[in-house]
C-alpha atoms as a PDB file:
ATOM      1  CA  TYR A   1    -101.955 -67.464  -2.369  1.00  0.00           C
ATOM      2  CA  LEU A   2    -102.619 -69.979   0.122  1.00  0.00           C
ATOM      3  CA  PHE A   3    -100.411 -72.893  -1.443  1.00  0.00           C
ATOM      4  CA  TYR A   4     -97.621 -70.408  -1.137  1.00  0.00           C
ATOM      5  CA  ILE A   5     -98.544 -69.022   2.340  1.00  0.00           C
ATOM      6  CA  LEU A   6     -99.306 -72.031   4.352  1.00  0.00           C
ATOM      7  CA  PRO A   7     -95.905 -73.383   4.905  1.00  0.00           C
ATOM      8  CA  ILE A   8     -94.879 -70.103   6.142  1.00  0.00           C
ATOM      9  CA  VAL A   9     -97.735 -69.199   8.324  1.00  0.00           C
ATOM     10  CA  THR A  10     -97.772 -72.930  10.337  1.00  0.00           C
ATOM     11  CA  GLN A  11     -94.047 -71.574  11.215  1.00  0.00           C
ATOM     12  CA  TRP A  12     -95.468 -68.171  12.725  1.00  0.00           C
ATOM     13  CA  GLY A  13     -95.282 -67.734  16.671  1.00  0.00           C
ATOM     14  CA  ASP A  14     -98.900 -68.259  17.605  1.00  0.00           C
ATOM     15  CA  SER A  15     -99.806 -70.845  14.789  1.00  0.00           C
ATOM     16  CA  LYS A  16     -96.346 -72.590  15.420  1.00  0.00           C
ATOM     17  CA  ASN A  17     -97.504 -73.176  19.093  1.00  0.00           C
ATOM     18  CA  ALA A  18    -101.101 -74.225  18.316  1.00  0.00           C
ATOM     19  CA  ILE A  19     -99.832 -77.128  16.225  1.00  0.00           C
ATOM     20  CA  LYS A  20     -96.923 -78.035  18.142  1.00  0.00           C
ATOM     21  CA  GLY A  21     -96.757 -81.787  18.491  1.00  0.00           C
ATOM     22  CA  LYS A  22     -99.626 -82.289  16.709  1.00  0.00           C
ATOM     23  CA  THR A  23    -100.651 -83.177  13.088  1.00  0.00           C
ATOM     24  CA  LEU A  24    -102.455 -80.529  10.795  1.00  0.00           C
ATOM     25  CA  ASN A  25    -105.751 -81.386  10.805  1.00  0.00           C
ATOM     26  CA  SER A  26    -109.210 -79.329   9.794  1.00  0.00           C
ATOM     27  CA  LYS A  27    -109.637 -77.584  13.240  1.00  0.00           C
ATOM     28  CA  SER A  28    -105.929 -76.526  13.399  1.00  0.00           C
ATOM     29  CA  ILE A  29    -105.748 -75.143   9.655  1.00  0.00           C
ATOM     30  CA  ALA A  30    -108.993 -73.548  10.065  1.00  0.00           C
ATOM     31  CA  ASN A  31    -107.594 -71.503  13.349  1.00  0.00           C
ATOM     32  CA  LEU A  32    -104.378 -70.142  11.253  1.00  0.00           C
ATOM     33  CA  MET A  33    -104.077 -66.642  11.084  1.00  0.00           C
ATOM     34  CA  ILE A  34    -103.068 -65.518   7.687  1.00  0.00           C
ATOM     35  CA  PRO A  35    -102.740 -61.909   6.130  1.00  0.00           C
ATOM     36  CA  LEU A  36    -105.551 -61.065   3.618  1.00  0.00           C
ATOM     37  CA  ALA A  37    -105.201 -58.899   0.844  1.00  0.00           C
ATOM     38  CA  PRO A  38    -108.178 -57.680  -1.767  1.00  0.00           C
ATOM     39  CA  LEU A  39    -108.439 -60.207  -4.510  1.00  0.00           C
ATOM     40  CA  ASN A  40    -106.944 -58.472  -7.111  1.00  0.00           C
ATOM     41  CA  GLU A  41    -103.623 -58.096  -5.150  1.00  0.00           C
ATOM     42  CA  LEU A  42    -103.543 -61.497  -4.131  1.00  0.00           C
ATOM     43  CA  GLN A  43    -103.643 -62.504  -7.679  1.00  0.00           C
ATOM     44  CA  ARG A  44    -100.674 -60.119  -8.458  1.00  0.00           C
ATOM     45  CA  ILE A  45     -98.778 -61.451  -5.408  1.00  0.00           C
ATOM     46  CA  VAL A  46     -99.035 -65.010  -6.995  1.00  0.00           C
ATOM     47  CA  ALA A  47     -97.909 -63.631 -10.457  1.00  0.00           C
ATOM     48  CA  LYS A  48     -95.012 -61.869  -8.814  1.00  0.00           C
ATOM     49  CA  ILE A  49     -94.278 -65.164  -6.554  1.00  0.00           C
ATOM     50  CA  GLU A  50     -94.576 -67.196  -9.851  1.00  0.00           C
ATOM     51  CA  GLU A  51     -91.960 -64.819 -11.808  1.00  0.00           C
ATOM     52  CA  LEU A  52     -89.402 -64.891  -9.274  1.00  0.00           C
ATOM     53  CA  LEU A  53     -89.528 -68.652  -8.346  1.00  0.00           C
ATOM     54  CA  PRO A  54     -87.274 -69.742 -11.521  1.00  0.00           C
ATOM     55  CA  TYR A  55     -84.599 -67.017 -10.500  1.00  0.00           C
ATOM     56  CA  VAL A  56     -84.751 -68.968  -7.039  1.00  0.00           C
ATOM     57  CA  ASP A  57     -84.269 -72.026  -8.554  1.00  0.00           C
ATOM     58  CA  ARG A  58     -82.009 -71.084 -10.734  1.00  0.00           C
ATOM     59  CA  TYR A  59     -79.526 -69.557  -7.751  1.00  0.00           C
ATOM     60  CA  ALA A  60     -79.989 -72.436  -5.765  1.00  0.00           C
ATOM     61  CA  ALA A  61     -78.446 -74.559  -8.610  1.00  0.00           C
ATOM     62  CA  ALA A  62     -75.661 -71.872  -9.311  1.00  0.00           C
ATOM     63  CA  TYR A  63     -74.821 -71.804  -5.255  1.00  0.00           C
ATOM     64  CA  GLU A  64     -74.759 -75.536  -5.228  1.00  0.00           C
ATOM     65  CA  LYS A  65     -72.254 -75.752  -8.272  1.00  0.00           C
ATOM     66  CA  LEU A  66     -70.369 -72.754  -6.126  1.00  0.00           C
ATOM     67  CA  GLU A  67     -70.165 -75.218  -3.113  1.00  0.00           C
ATOM     68  CA  GLN A  68     -68.699 -78.138  -5.341  1.00  0.00           C
ATOM     69  CA  PHE A  69     -66.365 -75.811  -6.723  1.00  0.00           C
ATOM     70  CA  ASN A  70     -64.936 -74.401  -3.603  1.00  0.00           C
ATOM     71  CA  ALA A  71     -64.572 -78.006  -2.189  1.00  0.00           C
ATOM     72  CA  LYS A  72     -62.566 -79.035  -5.086  1.00  0.00           C
ATOM     73  CA  PHE A  73     -60.841 -75.903  -5.646  1.00  0.00           C
ATOM     74  CA  PRO A  74     -57.674 -76.370  -3.468  1.00  0.00           C
ATOM     75  CA  GLU A  75     -57.122 -80.167  -4.658  1.00  0.00           C
ATOM     76  CA  ASP A  76     -57.852 -78.977  -8.506  1.00  0.00           C
ATOM     77  CA  MET A  77     -55.642 -75.867  -7.806  1.00  0.00           C
ATOM     78  CA  LYS A  78     -52.631 -77.805  -6.160  1.00  0.00           C
ATOM     79  CA  LYS A  79     -52.727 -80.522  -9.283  1.00  0.00           C
ATOM     80  CA  SER A  80     -52.805 -77.682 -11.724  1.00  0.00           C
ATOM     81  CA  ILE A  81     -49.678 -76.410 -10.269  1.00  0.00           C
ATOM     82  CA  LEU A  82     -48.008 -79.744 -10.201  1.00  0.00           C
ATOM     83  CA  GLN A  83     -48.821 -80.272 -13.675  1.00  0.00           C
ATOM     84  CA  TYR A  84     -47.012 -76.883 -14.397  1.00  0.00           C
ATOM     85  CA  ALA A  85     -44.315 -77.718 -12.535  1.00  0.00           C
ATOM     86  CA  ILE A  86     -43.685 -81.317 -14.591  1.00  0.00           C
ATOM     87  CA  GLN A  87     -44.243 -79.142 -18.277  1.00  0.00           C
ATOM     88  CA  GLY A  88     -41.055 -76.851 -16.990  1.00  0.00           C
ATOM     89  CA  LYS A  89     -43.369 -74.189 -16.694  1.00  0.00           C
ATOM     90  CA  LEU A  90     -43.062 -73.258 -13.197  1.00  0.00           C
ATOM     91  CA  VAL A  91     -39.251 -72.057 -12.891  1.00  0.00           C
ATOM     92  CA  GLU A  92     -36.889 -70.663 -15.744  1.00  0.00           C
ATOM     93  CA  GLN A  93     -34.669 -73.161 -17.665  1.00  0.00           C
ATOM     94  CA  ARG A  94     -30.808 -72.156 -16.754  1.00  0.00           C
ATOM     95  CA  PRO A  95     -28.315 -73.569 -19.582  1.00  0.00           C
ATOM     96  CA  GLU A  96     -25.502 -73.375 -17.052  1.00  0.00           C
ATOM     97  CA  GLU A  97     -27.350 -76.364 -14.899  1.00  0.00           C
ATOM     98  CA  GLY A  98     -26.536 -78.934 -18.144  1.00  0.00           C
ATOM     99  CA  THR A  99     -29.771 -81.210 -19.469  1.00  0.00           C
ATOM    100  CA  GLY A 100     -32.037 -84.026 -18.641  1.00  0.00           C
ATOM    101  CA  GLU A 101     -29.926 -85.995 -21.240  1.00  0.00           C
ATOM    102  CA  GLU A 102     -26.547 -85.602 -19.403  1.00  0.00           C
ATOM    103  CA  LEU A 103     -28.219 -86.652 -15.771  1.00  0.00           C
ATOM    104  CA  TYR A 104     -29.918 -89.466 -17.572  1.00  0.00           C
ATOM    105  CA  GLN A 105     -26.635 -90.582 -19.118  1.00  0.00           C
ATOM    106  CA  GLN A 106     -25.076 -90.324 -15.490  1.00  0.00           C
ATOM    107  CA  ILE A 107     -27.877 -92.298 -13.988  1.00  0.00           C
ATOM    108  CA  LEU A 108     -27.260 -95.400 -16.782  1.00  0.00           C
ATOM    109  CA  LYS A 109     -23.146 -95.150 -15.911  1.00  0.00           C
ATOM    110  CA  GLU A 110     -24.030 -95.386 -12.212  1.00  0.00           C
ATOM    111  CA  LYS A 111     -26.340 -98.370 -12.765  1.00  0.00           C
ATOM    112  CA  LYS A 112     -23.724-100.480 -14.677  1.00  0.00           C
ATOM    113  CA  ARG A 113     -21.317 -99.624 -11.951  1.00  0.00           C
ATOM    114  CA  LEU A 114     -23.751-101.170  -9.382  1.00  0.00           C
ATOM    115  CA  ILE A 115     -24.458-104.316 -11.499  1.00  0.00           C
ATOM    116  CA  LYS A 116     -20.738-105.036 -12.021  1.00  0.00           C
ATOM    117  CA  GLU A 117     -20.202-105.043  -8.176  1.00  0.00           C
ATOM    118  CA  GLY A 118     -23.031-106.980  -7.673  1.00  0.00           C
ATOM    119  CA  LYS A 119     -24.969-104.288  -5.525  1.00  0.00           C
ATOM    120  CA  ILE A 120     -28.171-104.602  -7.705  1.00  0.00           C
ATOM    121  CA  LYS A 121     -29.473-106.807 -10.115  1.00  0.00           C
ATOM    122  CA  LYS A 122     -29.639-106.432 -13.987  1.00  0.00           C
ATOM    123  CA  GLU A 123     -33.005-106.267 -15.231  1.00  0.00           C
ATOM    124  CA  LYS A 124     -34.406-106.984 -18.591  1.00  0.00           C
ATOM    125  CA  PRO A 125     -34.445-103.504 -20.536  1.00  0.00           C
ATOM    126  CA  LEU A 126     -37.299-101.215 -20.556  1.00  0.00           C
ATOM    127  CA  THR A 127     -38.992-100.511 -24.221  1.00  0.00           C
ATOM    128  CA  GLU A 128     -38.150 -97.186 -25.578  1.00  0.00           C
ATOM    129  CA  ILE A 129     -40.783 -94.417 -25.189  1.00  0.00           C
ATOM    130  CA  ALA A 130     -42.425 -94.443 -28.436  1.00  0.00           C
ATOM    131  CA  GLU A 131     -43.469 -90.871 -29.903  1.00  0.00           C
ATOM    132  CA  ASP A 132     -47.450 -91.305 -29.261  1.00  0.00           C
ATOM    133  CA  GLU A 133     -46.614 -91.831 -25.576  1.00  0.00           C
ATOM    134  CA  ILE A 134     -45.560 -88.544 -25.085  1.00  0.00           C
ATOM    135  CA  PRO A 135     -48.504 -86.610 -23.928  1.00  0.00           C
ATOM    136  CA  PHE A 136     -47.225 -82.833 -23.959  1.00  0.00           C
ATOM    137  CA  ASP A 137     -44.264 -80.664 -24.907  1.00  0.00           C
ATOM    138  CA  ILE A 138     -41.283 -80.168 -22.306  1.00  0.00           C
ATOM    139  CA  PRO A 139     -38.675 -78.059 -22.643  1.00  0.00           C
ATOM    140  CA  GLU A 140     -35.462 -78.841 -24.796  1.00  0.00           C
ATOM    141  CA  SER A 141     -33.158 -79.384 -21.600  1.00  0.00           C
ATOM    142  CA  TRP A 142     -35.470 -81.809 -20.179  1.00  0.00           C
ATOM    143  CA  LYS A 143     -35.952 -85.818 -21.324  1.00  0.00           C
ATOM    144  CA  TRP A 144     -38.576 -87.969 -21.319  1.00  0.00           C
ATOM    145  CA  VAL A 145     -37.724 -91.585 -19.034  1.00  0.00           C
ATOM    146  CA  LYS A 146     -39.217 -94.260 -17.357  1.00  0.00           C
ATOM    147  CA  VAL A 147     -39.462 -94.276 -13.871  1.00  0.00           C
ATOM    148  CA  GLY A 148     -37.966 -97.817 -14.065  1.00  0.00           C
ATOM    149  CA  SER A 149     -34.938 -96.163 -15.676  1.00  0.00           C
ATOM    150  CA  LEU A 150     -34.669 -93.322 -13.124  1.00  0.00           C
ATOM    151  CA  ALA A 151     -34.326 -95.494 -10.214  1.00  0.00           C
ATOM    152  CA  VAL A 152     -34.754 -99.253  -8.632  1.00  0.00           C
ATOM    153  CA  VAL A 153     -38.370 -99.876  -8.232  1.00  0.00           C
ATOM    154  CA  GLN A 154     -38.958-103.180  -5.421  1.00  0.00           C
ATOM    155  CA  SER A 155     -41.063-104.181  -2.867  1.00  0.00           C
ATOM    156  CA  SER A 156     -40.285-105.735   0.441  1.00  0.00           C
ATOM    157  CA  LYS A 157     -39.901-109.314   1.384  1.00  0.00           C
ATOM    158  CA  ARG A 158     -42.945-111.073   2.532  1.00  0.00           C
ATOM    159  CA  VAL A 159     -43.612-110.723   6.599  1.00  0.00           C
ATOM    160  CA  PHE A 160     -46.105-113.386   7.640  1.00  0.00           C
ATOM    161  CA  GLU A 161     -48.426-113.000  10.591  1.00  0.00           C
ATOM    162  CA  LYS A 162     -46.842-115.448  13.049  1.00  0.00           C
ATOM    163  CA  ASP A 163     -44.103-112.566  12.464  1.00  0.00           C
ATOM    164  CA  TYR A 164     -45.610-110.194  14.155  1.00  0.00           C
ATOM    165  CA  VAL A 165     -44.772-109.321  17.977  1.00  0.00           C
ATOM    166  CA  SER A 166     -46.348-106.899  20.636  1.00  0.00           C
ATOM    167  CA  ASP A 167     -43.235-104.475  20.441  1.00  0.00           C
ATOM    168  CA  GLY A 168     -40.185-104.035  18.145  1.00  0.00           C
ATOM    169  CA  ILE A 169     -39.560-102.263  14.525  1.00  0.00           C
ATOM    170  CA  PRO A 170     -42.922-100.610  13.502  1.00  0.00           C
ATOM    171  CA  PHE A 171     -44.596-102.619  10.375  1.00  0.00           C
ATOM    172  CA  PHE A 172     -46.590-100.192   7.981  1.00  0.00           C
ATOM    173  CA  ARG A 173     -49.336-101.215   5.639  1.00  0.00           C
ATOM    174  CA  SER A 174     -51.217 -98.688   3.229  1.00  0.00           C
ATOM    175  CA  LYS A 175     -53.183 -97.437   6.338  1.00  0.00           C
ATOM    176  CA  GLU A 176     -49.862 -96.005   8.029  1.00  0.00           C
ATOM    177  CA  ILE A 177     -48.292 -94.739   4.556  1.00  0.00           C
ATOM    178  CA  GLY A 178     -51.784 -92.885   3.954  1.00  0.00           C
ATOM    179  CA  ASP A 179     -51.556 -91.129   7.203  1.00  0.00           C
ATOM    180  CA  LEU A 180     -47.752 -90.502   6.788  1.00  0.00           C
ATOM    181  CA  TYR A 181     -49.159 -88.974   3.409  1.00  0.00           C
ATOM    182  CA  ARG A 182     -51.568 -86.668   4.725  1.00  0.00           C
ATOM    183  CA  ASN A 183     -49.331 -85.751   7.782  1.00  0.00           C
ATOM    184  CA  GLU A 184     -51.534 -87.258  10.213  1.00  0.00           C
ATOM    185  CA  PRO A 185     -50.191 -88.728  13.575  1.00  0.00           C
ATOM    186  CA  ILE A 186     -50.053 -92.709  13.072  1.00  0.00           C
ATOM    187  CA  LYS A 187     -50.578 -95.496  15.810  1.00  0.00           C
ATOM    188  CA  THR A 188     -48.663 -98.198  14.786  1.00  0.00           C
ATOM    189  CA  GLU A 189     -50.643-101.517  15.135  1.00  0.00           C
ATOM    190  CA  LEU A 190     -47.873-104.437  13.962  1.00  0.00           C
ATOM    191  CA  PHE A 191     -44.312-104.396  14.799  1.00  0.00           C
ATOM    192  CA  ILE A 192     -41.356-107.330  13.847  1.00  0.00           C
ATOM    193  CA  ALA A 193     -38.703-108.371  16.087  1.00  0.00           C
ATOM    194  CA  GLU A 194     -35.128-106.225  15.564  1.00  0.00           C
ATOM    195  CA  GLU A 195     -33.506-109.345  15.156  1.00  0.00           C
ATOM    196  CA  HIS A 196     -35.936-109.917  12.205  1.00  0.00           C
ATOM    197  CA  TYR A 197     -35.562-106.422  10.916  1.00  0.00           C
ATOM    198  CA  ASN A 198     -31.531-106.788  11.132  1.00  0.00           C
ATOM    199  CA  SER A 199     -31.731-110.016   9.355  1.00  0.00           C
ATOM    200  CA  LEU A 200     -34.081-108.470   6.210  1.00  0.00           C
ATOM    201  CA  ALA A 201     -31.398-105.162   6.524  1.00  0.00           C
ATOM    202  CA  GLU A 202     -28.701-107.387   5.942  1.00  0.00           C
ATOM    203  CA  GLU A 203     -29.783-109.998   3.196  1.00  0.00           C
ATOM    204  CA  TYR A 204     -32.079-107.578   1.143  1.00  0.00           C
ATOM    205  CA  GLY A 205     -31.652-104.339   2.692  1.00  0.00           C
ATOM    206  CA  VAL A 206     -34.663-101.887   3.875  1.00  0.00           C
ATOM    207  CA  PRO A 207     -35.924 -98.308   3.031  1.00  0.00           C
ATOM    208  CA  GLN A 208     -33.399 -95.244   3.688  1.00  0.00           C
ATOM    209  CA  ILE A 209     -33.766 -91.785   3.895  1.00  0.00           C
ATOM    210  CA  GLY A 210     -34.895 -90.496   0.266  1.00  0.00           C
ATOM    211  CA  ASP A 211     -36.586 -93.493  -0.612  1.00  0.00           C
ATOM    212  CA  ILE A 212     -40.383 -93.114  -1.880  1.00  0.00           C
ATOM    213  CA  LEU A 213     -43.184 -95.545  -0.658  1.00  0.00           C
ATOM    214  CA  ILE A 214     -46.321 -95.545  -2.781  1.00  0.00           C
ATOM    215  CA  THR A 215     -49.537 -97.369  -1.984  1.00  0.00           C
ATOM    216  CA  SER A 216     -49.893 -99.484  -4.929  1.00  0.00           C
ATOM    217  CA  VAL A 217     -53.347-101.367  -3.901  1.00  0.00           C
ATOM    218  CA  GLY A 218     -56.975-100.184  -3.457  1.00  0.00           C
ATOM    219  CA  THR A 219     -56.339 -96.248  -2.668  1.00  0.00           C
ATOM    220  CA  ILE A 220     -53.397 -95.866  -5.546  1.00  0.00           C
ATOM    221  CA  GLY A 221     -50.909 -92.965  -4.886  1.00  0.00           C
ATOM    222  CA  ASN A 222     -50.721 -91.962  -1.419  1.00  0.00           C
ATOM    223  CA  THR A 223     -46.810 -91.431  -1.039  1.00  0.00           C
ATOM    224  CA  TRP A 224     -44.214 -90.987   1.813  1.00  0.00           C
ATOM    225  CA  ILE A 225     -40.519 -90.143   1.549  1.00  0.00           C
ATOM    226  CA  CYS A 226     -38.456 -91.988   4.130  1.00  0.00           C
ATOM    227  CA  ASP A 227     -37.414 -89.790   6.984  1.00  0.00           C
ATOM    228  CA  GLY A 228     -34.591 -92.228   8.359  1.00  0.00           C
ATOM    229  CA  ARG A 229     -36.812 -93.990  10.995  1.00  0.00           C
ATOM    230  CA  LYS A 230     -36.598 -97.771  11.314  1.00  0.00           C
ATOM    231  CA  PHE A 231     -39.456 -99.518   9.995  1.00  0.00           C
ATOM    232  CA  TYR A 232     -40.355-102.134   7.351  1.00  0.00           C
ATOM    233  CA  TYR A 233     -43.683-102.568   5.246  1.00  0.00           C
ATOM    234  CA  LYS A 234     -46.091-105.049   3.693  1.00  0.00           C
ATOM    235  CA  ASP A 235     -44.999-106.054   0.228  1.00  0.00           C
ATOM    236  CA  GLY A 236     -47.436-106.125  -2.296  1.00  0.00           C
ATOM    237  CA  ASN A 237     -49.507-103.233  -0.926  1.00  0.00           C
ATOM    238  CA  ILE A 238     -46.638-100.592  -1.256  1.00  0.00           C
ATOM    239  CA  THR A 239     -44.172-100.179  -3.759  1.00  0.00           C
ATOM    240  CA  GLN A 240     -40.869 -98.885  -3.084  1.00  0.00           C
ATOM    241  CA  ILE A 241     -38.874 -96.096  -5.374  1.00  0.00           C
ATOM    242  CA  CYS A 242     -35.082 -96.141  -3.884  1.00  0.00           C
ATOM    243  CA  GLY A 243     -33.664 -92.741  -4.091  1.00  0.00           C
ATOM    244  CA  ASN A 244     -30.372 -91.680  -5.616  1.00  0.00           C
ATOM    245  CA  GLN A 245     -28.051 -88.755  -5.710  1.00  0.00           C
ATOM    246  CA  PHE A 246     -29.191 -88.081  -9.260  1.00  0.00           C
ATOM    247  CA  PHE A 247     -32.875 -86.865  -8.877  1.00  0.00           C
ATOM    248  CA  ASP A 248     -34.761 -85.444  -5.720  1.00  0.00           C
ATOM    249  CA  SER A 249     -37.074 -87.371  -4.348  1.00  0.00           C
ATOM    250  CA  LYS A 250     -39.690 -84.388  -3.513  1.00  0.00           C
ATOM    251  CA  TYR A 251     -39.422 -83.873  -7.472  1.00  0.00           C
ATOM    252  CA  VAL A 252     -40.491 -87.407  -8.091  1.00  0.00           C
ATOM    253  CA  GLU A 253     -43.066 -87.125  -5.690  1.00  0.00           C
ATOM    254  CA  CYS A 254     -44.635 -84.353  -7.416  1.00  0.00           C
ATOM    255  CA  PHE A 255     -45.044 -86.423 -10.465  1.00  0.00           C
ATOM    256  CA  LEU A 256     -46.505 -89.134  -8.575  1.00  0.00           C
ATOM    257  CA  HIS A 257     -49.195 -86.495  -7.373  1.00  0.00           C
ATOM    258  CA  SER A 258     -49.774 -84.590 -10.984  1.00  0.00           C
ATOM    259  CA  PRO A 259     -52.016 -85.450 -13.488  1.00  0.00           C
ATOM    260  CA  LEU A 260     -50.087 -87.155 -15.587  1.00  0.00           C
ATOM    261  CA  PHE A 261     -49.262 -89.898 -13.128  1.00  0.00           C
ATOM    262  CA  GLU A 262     -53.000 -90.229 -12.391  1.00  0.00           C
ATOM    263  CA  LYS A 263     -53.762 -90.751 -16.324  1.00  0.00           C
ATOM    264  CA  GLN A 264     -51.297 -93.373 -16.513  1.00  0.00           C
ATOM    265  CA  ALA A 265     -51.809 -95.393 -13.189  1.00  0.00           C
ATOM    266  CA  LEU A 266     -55.735 -95.375 -14.210  1.00  0.00           C
ATOM    267  CA  SER A 267     -55.402 -96.446 -17.657  1.00  0.00           C
ATOM    268  CA  THR A 268     -52.946 -99.089 -16.128  1.00  0.00           C
ATOM    269  CA  VAL A 269     -55.486-100.442 -13.784  1.00  0.00           C
ATOM    270  CA  ALA A 270     -58.432-100.181 -16.176  1.00  0.00           C
ATOM    271  CA  GLY A 271     -60.398-103.452 -16.554  1.00  0.00           C
ATOM    272  CA  THR A 272     -58.354-105.393 -14.103  1.00  0.00           C
ATOM    273  CA  ALA A 273     -60.493-106.923 -11.221  1.00  0.00           C
ATOM    274  CA  TYR A 274     -59.268-104.935  -8.573  1.00  0.00           C
ATOM    275  CA  SER A 275     -56.929-101.940  -8.566  1.00  0.00           C
ATOM    276  CA  ALA A 276     -53.464-102.506  -8.439  1.00  0.00           C
ATOM    277  CA  LEU A 277     -50.288-100.487  -9.727  1.00  0.00           C
ATOM    278  CA  THR A 278     -47.568-103.466  -9.913  1.00  0.00           C
ATOM    279  CA  ILE A 279     -44.105-103.024 -10.068  1.00  0.00           C
ATOM    280  CA  ILE A 280     -43.764-103.432 -14.007  1.00  0.00           C
ATOM    281  CA  LYS A 281     -46.327-101.092 -14.214  1.00  0.00           C
ATOM    282  CA  LEU A 282     -44.847 -98.365 -12.088  1.00  0.00           C
ATOM    283  CA  LYS A 283     -41.432 -98.860 -13.770  1.00  0.00           C
ATOM    284  CA  ASN A 284     -42.787 -98.309 -17.287  1.00  0.00           C
ATOM    285  CA  LEU A 285     -44.775 -95.011 -16.110  1.00  0.00           C
ATOM    286  CA  ILE A 286     -43.214 -91.896 -18.156  1.00  0.00           C
ATOM    287  CA  MET A 287     -42.264 -88.778 -16.637  1.00  0.00           C
ATOM    288  CA  PRO A 288     -40.201 -85.705 -17.768  1.00  0.00           C
ATOM    289  CA  LEU A 289     -36.599 -85.527 -15.972  1.00  0.00           C
ATOM    290  CA  PRO A 290     -35.059 -81.832 -15.650  1.00  0.00           C
ATOM    291  CA  PRO A 291     -31.629 -81.321 -14.643  1.00  0.00           C
ATOM    292  CA  LEU A 292     -31.204 -81.815 -10.743  1.00  0.00           C
ATOM    293  CA  ALA A 293     -30.291 -78.358 -10.236  1.00  0.00           C
ATOM    294  CA  GLU A 294     -33.673 -77.476 -11.736  1.00  0.00           C
ATOM    295  CA  GLN A 295     -35.738 -80.407  -9.721  1.00  0.00           C
ATOM    296  CA  LYS A 296     -34.184 -78.640  -6.629  1.00  0.00           C
ATOM    297  CA  ARG A 297     -35.786 -75.259  -7.676  1.00  0.00           C
ATOM    298  CA  ILE A 298     -39.091 -76.542  -8.603  1.00  0.00           C
ATOM    299  CA  VAL A 299     -39.504 -78.328  -5.622  1.00  0.00           C
ATOM    300  CA  ALA A 300     -38.544 -75.052  -3.596  1.00  0.00           C
ATOM    301  CA  LYS A 301     -41.342 -72.977  -5.621  1.00  0.00           C
ATOM    302  CA  LEU A 302     -43.536 -75.653  -5.123  1.00  0.00           C
ATOM    303  CA  GLU A 303     -43.190 -75.914  -1.453  1.00  0.00           C
ATOM    304  CA  GLU A 304     -43.054 -71.703  -1.420  1.00  0.00           C
ATOM    305  CA  ILE A 305     -46.829 -71.697  -3.199  1.00  0.00           C
END
């Protein structure tokens, strides 16, 4: 009985004042006031306490699990919705909107035209998607594609420390992309001269509206869709998926935040000395491709939810 009650009575008004700022000793303990019941009742009190304590422990454990669940719930729910979206379960399919295969053929045709005109480089063909690579069923009107067959995937040209200036065109690193991904204000710390930016734009091109930037080293998967502002970015740490008229950038971003992307991205970096999603690895990730109109309806539904 004393074992259970002493921690309580030391917090009571008079007792607390008596030992305030002091160490408990024989005198202060001897002067503590405690409620005393008949011996048989003290024994019944102890028996009841020991009967109830396991329930308290179980409640504490359950409450801790609930707190963990509540903390994870919004992110887990978001991932579940994104997974539903890329499985074709978020909106209905409409035959009049065509198929992913038809859209894919349009993409291939456009790529051939751009290569012929010298606007993009011809690349080594990606390997076909094997049957055992397909993780789940998708609607018949959809098609499994590789990211690299959907769009040009590239990085920036190297910018050296000597190229930084005190004011000019903002230069983004993973930190700034992470802030933009979280809709947080960014404090630009690095700049390059506008003449340098114009030279890069003329010779190599710069990010355009609809291009997707994804952090590819360390923290993998923070994304931002370019909104038209002038900027340049760090090569190696950030990868660029160039937008085009055949896909909705927000739908592709939905895939980049989905469990399917995470599973593939983590498997590609497993066993490496540091976490890095290279251009080659990103190009070879597989994703489901719905017709363009359905992509837009999926994005609208996601934004509504």
